[in-house]
Each structure stands twice: as C-alpha cells, then as structure tokens.
C-alpha cells in the first residue's frame, strides 16, 4: 500500500463553507485530525500522507480558523463540539478515531463524551483541560497577542471562552475510549506534568513523552509520531495501562 495524494474539499456546515483535507481510500477506517489553537488544517501536512496508507484521513479547518469564516463572538467548547459532530454527519462518517492537538485534543474529549458510540479511539497531543498555561506560556501568548494588535494583524484564532481546568470537575471520568497521550518534555505552554495528570484522570490512558520536544511533537518528529499512532490504533503497540514511556528523539 502507498500513501494517497491529499485532496482539498469544501464542506458546508451550518451554511458555512470550510476547507477539509482528505487522503486515503474510501473503504478504510476513518481518522479525523483536529488542529490546535494557533494552527489550521496545514498543521498535519507532515503526517496525513503517512497515516493515509492505512486510514481514510480528514483534516478540517475548525470554525473560525484558517480559511473558515470567523464571527465576532466568543467561541466556546460547545461551538467546536457541534461543528465536529455536524462535519462528521456531512462527510458521512459514522465512526472514527480522533487525533487532536492542544485545543483539538480538548475538543476530541468533548466529542467522545457526547457521542461515545461513534468514537473508537483517541490520540491527544498535549490537550487543553488539565491545567492553566505555564508562566512562560502566558508571557509568550500575551506578547504575541500584543504584537498582533499593535501591528493590526489578525490573530490566528478567534476569541474563545474555554475552561483550562476542566479536569477538576470530574467530567473526564466518562471517557471510556482507549487513549494515547503524547507530550513533549519541553512543552512551554502545558508542561509534561499535565500529561501525568491527564493519564491519572482518564480511565483508559497511556502516556508517551518525547524527550526534547516542545508543544507540537507531531510536527517536530512526524516519523516517530506516525509510527506511535499507527501502532496504538492497530493494537500492535503494547498496552501500558496507566503507564508512561519516554522516547528519546
């Protein structure tokens, strides 16, 4: 088998056209890739082709991101959750595994909790929801915001109203899908300690830490990432219940 070419589609969701990348054969199981808060569908350009050898893969722009229209309103977790569910309906996806980075990881958890019968597995890359930004992360984020405003350049993300401490409510206890957590040991936004917290919070999770990686280990080390993901999704990778492995890159 070989990787499929990436095709770009426009999909209408709630009267809004969004850009979606697709790769893979129509008869394959489905992966849905959900990008983070500072990115768009292009965040997956180094991994989608390798994943498409074994899966039919979709990578959309979230509503309010990338080439999608943006309303002048605060976007909530419910906004993104309903967008993903309706996108799946429009694409005819009855069942999928979700791969989400940062904000995309938090959205993946919400979708999995809302319709567990349609989500089989989760791969979460430094997901939001397990603690506040680090001090350095707040400084970097605030500085970037100030620079964009001073230069009158549009931010890569809309206004959002999100709870970064969702784990404290116990709401993640209902997540039953097997989950692979991937974290960078040098994540300056959500430190690896959040990964340990996530592993202890989610009922069926294992954690892999990439030594030396930052907040986006999937883009820094795409070959290692796709290998780990494919092993996890296929069941070839050894299950480590509530266990952690560190991978030197």
Foldseek 3Di string as FASTA:
>chain_A
DFFFDWDWDWFAFPNWTWIKIKTADPPAAEEEEEEAFQAAQCLCVLARRVLRVHGIYMGIGFAQADPTDHDQDAAELVNRLVRVVRVCVRVVQQAYEYEYAACGLVNNLVNCLVCVVRYAEYEYQLYFAQDFWDPQQVVVVVVVVVVCVVVVHDGRHHHHDYDRNNLVVLSQASRDHAYEYEYECAARTRHCVSVLSVLVSHQHYEYEYEYPDYRSPCVVPVVVVNVVVVCVVVVVDDRDGSYYYYDYD
